[in-house]
């Protein structure tokens, strides 16, 4: 899934002034590490314009997507360029930008045709999500490709 993934620049976890300083890359790397995500083989580059580039080779498609979400859901990030490959082949997830009034149940209904699969979305976004009721407008979530039959 190479390309640009858009994020809402004004939404996300605030880490202080992240752009315009030399320590932006360090702050984002610490953010990813705070979720205990495996960044082995992955490089994170930060532009002054609020765009982050993820390069290198992630251990899996899931890990790559979680790294992208961890850096993208930071206040000040307007997009993430996905230029990373993966060691293990996996199906790419879709991304959903949370809107006002969204719930994981409603998002599940939209993508899977039933509200009952909201735990799949919650699990796919751990450890960035710690509670299924704590999502916010502008947040981008992974929507895994699952069988609903």
C-alpha atoms as a PDB file:
ATOM      1  CA  UNK A   1       0.000   0.000   0.000  1.00  0.00           C
ATOM      2  CA  UNK A   2       2.486   2.637  -1.073  1.00  0.00           C
ATOM      3  CA  UNK A   3       1.370   6.247  -1.236  1.00  0.00           C
ATOM      4  CA  UNK A   4       0.204   9.115   0.922  1.00  0.00           C
ATOM      5  CA  UNK A   5      -2.178   8.480   3.802  1.00  0.00           C
ATOM      6  CA  UNK A   6      -3.924  11.715   4.848  1.00  0.00           C
ATOM      7  CA  UNK A   7      -4.284  12.664   8.516  1.00  0.00           C
ATOM      8  CA  UNK A   8      -6.064  15.576  10.167  1.00  0.00           C
ATOM      9  CA  UNK A   9      -3.249  17.958  11.123  1.00  0.00           C
ATOM     10  CA  UNK A  10      -5.226  19.583  13.940  1.00  0.00           C
ATOM     11  CA  UNK A  11      -6.209  16.266  15.551  1.00  0.00           C
ATOM     12  CA  UNK A  12      -4.182  13.737  17.443  1.00  0.00           C
ATOM     13  CA  UNK A  13      -1.959  13.313  20.401  1.00  0.00           C
ATOM     14  CA  UNK A  14      -0.129  16.507  21.272  1.00  0.00           C
ATOM     15  CA  UNK A  15       3.619  16.117  21.715  1.00  0.00           C
ATOM     16  CA  UNK A  16       4.431  19.786  21.949  1.00  0.00           C
ATOM     17  CA  UNK A  17       5.856  21.652  18.973  1.00  0.00           C
ATOM     18  CA  UNK A  18       6.877  18.801  16.737  1.00  0.00           C
ATOM     19  CA  UNK A  19       7.813  20.547  13.487  1.00  0.00           C
ATOM     20  CA  UNK A  20      10.449  23.138  12.872  1.00  0.00           C
ATOM     21  CA  UNK A  21      12.881  21.531  15.282  1.00  0.00           C
ATOM     22  CA  UNK A  22      15.645  18.987  14.988  1.00  0.00           C
ATOM     23  CA  UNK A  23      14.013  16.669  17.486  1.00  0.00           C
ATOM     24  CA  UNK A  24      10.806  15.929  15.494  1.00  0.00           C
ATOM     25  CA  UNK A  25      12.112  12.547  14.345  1.00  0.00           C
ATOM     26  CA  UNK A  26      13.135  11.660  17.924  1.00  0.00           C
ATOM     27  CA  UNK A  27       9.706  12.650  19.277  1.00  0.00           C
ATOM     28  CA  UNK A  28       7.894  10.519  16.710  1.00  0.00           C
ATOM     29  CA  UNK A  29      10.256   7.586  17.262  1.00  0.00           C
ATOM     30  CA  UNK A  30       9.549   7.803  21.019  1.00  0.00           C
ATOM     31  CA  UNK A  31       5.816   7.925  20.257  1.00  0.00           C
ATOM     32  CA  UNK A  32       6.074   4.696  18.248  1.00  0.00           C
ATOM     33  CA  UNK A  33       8.234   3.087  20.935  1.00  0.00           C
ATOM     34  CA  UNK A  34       5.692   4.071  23.621  1.00  0.00           C
ATOM     35  CA  UNK A  35       3.316   1.589  21.949  1.00  0.00           C
ATOM     36  CA  UNK A  36       6.022  -1.099  21.922  1.00  0.00           C
ATOM     37  CA  UNK A  37       5.831  -1.420  18.135  1.00  0.00           C
ATOM     38  CA  UNK A  38       8.658  -3.213  16.327  1.00  0.00           C
ATOM     39  CA  UNK A  39      10.523  -0.545  14.340  1.00  0.00           C
ATOM     40  CA  UNK A  40      13.429  -2.810  13.402  1.00  0.00           C
ATOM     41  CA  UNK A  41      14.309  -1.995   9.785  1.00  0.00           C
ATOM     42  CA  UNK A  42      11.985   1.020   9.608  1.00  0.00           C
ATOM     43  CA  UNK A  43      13.125   4.626   9.204  1.00  0.00           C
ATOM     44  CA  UNK A  44      10.922   7.612   9.997  1.00  0.00           C
ATOM     45  CA  UNK A  45      11.685  10.891   8.231  1.00  0.00           C
ATOM     46  CA  UNK A  46       9.963  14.158   9.138  1.00  0.00           C
ATOM     47  CA  UNK A  47       9.499  17.139   6.797  1.00  0.00           C
ATOM     48  CA  UNK A  48       8.929  20.666   8.113  1.00  0.00           C
ATOM     49  CA  UNK A  49       5.561  20.776   6.322  1.00  0.00           C
ATOM     50  CA  UNK A  50       3.928  18.146   8.549  1.00  0.00           C
ATOM     51  CA  UNK A  51       4.527  15.142   6.320  1.00  0.00           C
ATOM     52  CA  UNK A  52       6.175  12.023   7.717  1.00  0.00           C
ATOM     53  CA  UNK A  53       7.780   9.390   5.494  1.00  0.00           C
ATOM     54  CA  UNK A  54       8.021   5.779   6.633  1.00  0.00           C
ATOM     55  CA  UNK A  55      10.733   3.858   4.748  1.00  0.00           C
ATOM     56  CA  UNK A  56      12.565   0.585   5.061  1.00  0.00           C
ATOM     57  CA  UNK A  57      11.224  -2.898   5.702  1.00  0.00           C
ATOM     58  CA  UNK A  58       8.717  -3.587   8.490  1.00  0.00           C
ATOM     59  CA  UNK A  59       8.346  -7.057   9.984  1.00  0.00           C
ATOM     60  CA  UNK A  60       4.727  -7.351   8.770  1.00  0.00           C
ATOM     61  CA  UNK A  61       1.939  -5.468   7.011  1.00  0.00           C
ATOM     62  CA  UNK A  62       0.119  -5.084  10.332  1.00  0.00           C
ATOM     63  CA  UNK A  63       3.196  -3.625  12.053  1.00  0.00           C
ATOM     64  CA  UNK A  64       3.811  -1.202   9.176  1.00  0.00           C
ATOM     65  CA  UNK A  65       0.216   0.020   9.356  1.00  0.00           C
ATOM     66  CA  UNK A  66       0.403   0.452  13.127  1.00  0.00           C
ATOM     67  CA  UNK A  67       3.628   2.476  12.820  1.00  0.00           C
ATOM     68  CA  UNK A  68       1.942   4.674  10.200  1.00  0.00           C
ATOM     69  CA  UNK A  69      -1.012   5.239  12.537  1.00  0.00           C
ATOM     70  CA  UNK A  70       1.209   5.913  15.538  1.00  0.00           C
ATOM     71  CA  UNK A  71       3.074   8.718  13.739  1.00  0.00           C
ATOM     72  CA  UNK A  72       0.073   9.971  11.763  1.00  0.00           C
ATOM     73  CA  UNK A  73      -2.264  10.372  14.732  1.00  0.00           C
ATOM     74  CA  UNK A  74      -0.019  13.041  16.225  1.00  0.00           C
ATOM     75  CA  UNK A  75      -1.100  16.674  16.230  1.00  0.00           C
ATOM     76  CA  UNK A  76       0.728  18.517  13.454  1.00  0.00           C
ATOM     77  CA  UNK A  77       1.045  15.545  11.090  1.00  0.00           C
ATOM     78  CA  UNK A  78      -0.938  16.144   7.912  1.00  0.00           C
ATOM     79  CA  UNK A  79       0.026  12.969   6.102  1.00  0.00           C
ATOM     80  CA  UNK A  80       2.272   9.930   6.061  1.00  0.00           C
ATOM     81  CA  UNK A  81       4.072   8.772   2.933  1.00  0.00           C
ATOM     82  CA  UNK A  82       4.190   4.987   2.954  1.00  0.00           C
ATOM     83  CA  UNK A  83       7.426   3.985   1.244  1.00  0.00           C
ATOM     84  CA  UNK A  84       8.029   0.869   3.364  1.00  0.00           C
ATOM     85  CA  UNK A  85       7.921  -2.743   2.337  1.00  0.00           C
ATOM     86  CA  UNK A  86       7.277  -5.734   4.589  1.00  0.00           C
ATOM     87  CA  UNK A  87       9.150  -8.952   5.315  1.00  0.00           C
ATOM     88  CA  UNK A  88       5.947 -10.993   5.648  1.00  0.00           C
ATOM     89  CA  UNK A  89       3.212 -10.621   3.070  1.00  0.00           C
ATOM     90  CA  UNK A  90      -0.171  -9.642   4.430  1.00  0.00           C
ATOM     91  CA  UNK A  91      -3.404  -8.071   3.308  1.00  0.00           C
ATOM     92  CA  UNK A  92      -3.497  -4.311   3.537  1.00  0.00           C
ATOM     93  CA  UNK A  93      -6.117  -2.777   5.770  1.00  0.00           C
ATOM     94  CA  UNK A  94      -8.334   0.113   4.842  1.00  0.00           C
ATOM     95  CA  UNK A  95      -8.112   3.330   6.836  1.00  0.00           C
ATOM     96  CA  UNK A  96     -11.048   5.247   8.270  1.00  0.00           C
ATOM     97  CA  UNK A  97     -10.962   8.830   9.538  1.00  0.00           C
ATOM     98  CA  UNK A  98     -13.269   9.135  12.546  1.00  0.00           C
ATOM     99  CA  UNK A  99     -16.011  11.731  12.200  1.00  0.00           C
ATOM    100  CA  UNK A 100     -18.070  13.361  14.933  1.00  0.00           C
ATOM    101  CA  UNK A 101     -20.641  10.856  16.208  1.00  0.00           C
ATOM    102  CA  UNK A 102     -18.748   7.780  15.000  1.00  0.00           C
ATOM    103  CA  UNK A 103     -18.524   4.720  17.233  1.00  0.00           C
ATOM    104  CA  UNK A 104     -16.635   1.505  16.591  1.00  0.00           C
ATOM    105  CA  UNK A 105     -20.023  -0.228  16.258  1.00  0.00           C
ATOM    106  CA  UNK A 106     -21.151   2.214  13.563  1.00  0.00           C
ATOM    107  CA  UNK A 107     -17.821   1.930  11.745  1.00  0.00           C
ATOM    108  CA  UNK A 108     -18.132  -1.876  11.898  1.00  0.00           C
ATOM    109  CA  UNK A 109     -21.634  -1.644  10.394  1.00  0.00           C
ATOM    110  CA  UNK A 110     -20.298   0.531   7.555  1.00  0.00           C
ATOM    111  CA  UNK A 111     -17.414  -1.757   6.604  1.00  0.00           C
ATOM    112  CA  UNK A 112     -18.682  -5.211   7.573  1.00  0.00           C
ATOM    113  CA  UNK A 113     -22.467  -4.886   7.444  1.00  0.00           C
ATOM    114  CA  UNK A 114     -22.853  -5.639  11.160  1.00  0.00           C
ATOM    115  CA  UNK A 115     -22.077  -3.764  14.358  1.00  0.00           C
ATOM    116  CA  UNK A 116     -21.008  -6.999  16.055  1.00  0.00           C
ATOM    117  CA  UNK A 117     -17.500  -6.963  14.572  1.00  0.00           C
ATOM    118  CA  UNK A 118     -16.422  -3.747  16.322  1.00  0.00           C
ATOM    119  CA  UNK A 119     -14.027  -5.801  18.547  1.00  0.00           C
ATOM    120  CA  UNK A 120     -12.059  -6.645  15.365  1.00  0.00           C
ATOM    121  CA  UNK A 121     -11.506  -2.940  14.718  1.00  0.00           C
ATOM    122  CA  UNK A 122     -10.601  -2.346  18.357  1.00  0.00           C
ATOM    123  CA  UNK A 123      -8.061  -5.199  18.327  1.00  0.00           C
ATOM    124  CA  UNK A 124      -6.596  -4.016  15.006  1.00  0.00           C
ATOM    125  CA  UNK A 125      -5.841  -0.627  16.553  1.00  0.00           C
ATOM    126  CA  UNK A 126      -4.247  -1.792  19.789  1.00  0.00           C
ATOM    127  CA  UNK A 127      -2.131  -0.575  21.502  1.00  0.00           C
ATOM    128  CA  UNK A 128      -2.995   2.903  20.176  1.00  0.00           C
ATOM    129  CA  UNK A 129      -6.568   2.354  21.389  1.00  0.00           C
ATOM    130  CA  UNK A 130      -6.927   1.368  25.016  1.00  0.00           C
ATOM    131  CA  UNK A 131     -10.726   1.641  25.212  1.00  0.00           C
ATOM    132  CA  UNK A 132     -13.284   1.031  22.416  1.00  0.00           C
ATOM    133  CA  UNK A 133     -15.263   4.067  23.587  1.00  0.00           C
ATOM    134  CA  UNK A 134     -12.326   6.482  23.337  1.00  0.00           C
ATOM    135  CA  UNK A 135     -12.045   7.481  19.704  1.00  0.00           C
ATOM    136  CA  UNK A 136     -12.045  11.095  18.533  1.00  0.00           C
ATOM    137  CA  UNK A 137     -12.877  13.031  15.358  1.00  0.00           C
ATOM    138  CA  UNK A 138      -9.900  13.197  13.030  1.00  0.00           C
ATOM    139  CA  UNK A 139      -8.328  10.000  14.347  1.00  0.00           C
ATOM    140  CA  UNK A 140      -7.418   7.475  11.655  1.00  0.00           C
ATOM    141  CA  UNK A 141      -8.127   3.797  12.362  1.00  0.00           C
ATOM    142  CA  UNK A 142      -7.114   0.534  10.693  1.00  0.00           C
ATOM    143  CA  UNK A 143     -10.028  -1.426   9.287  1.00  0.00           C
ATOM    144  CA  UNK A 144      -8.740  -4.983   8.784  1.00  0.00           C
ATOM    145  CA  UNK A 145      -9.894  -7.105   5.880  1.00  0.00           C
ATOM    146  CA  UNK A 146     -11.866  -9.911   7.515  1.00  0.00           C
ATOM    147  CA  UNK A 147     -14.341 -12.489   6.304  1.00  0.00           C
ATOM    148  CA  UNK A 148     -17.878 -11.659   7.402  1.00  0.00           C
ATOM    149  CA  UNK A 149     -19.651 -14.761   6.055  1.00  0.00           C
END
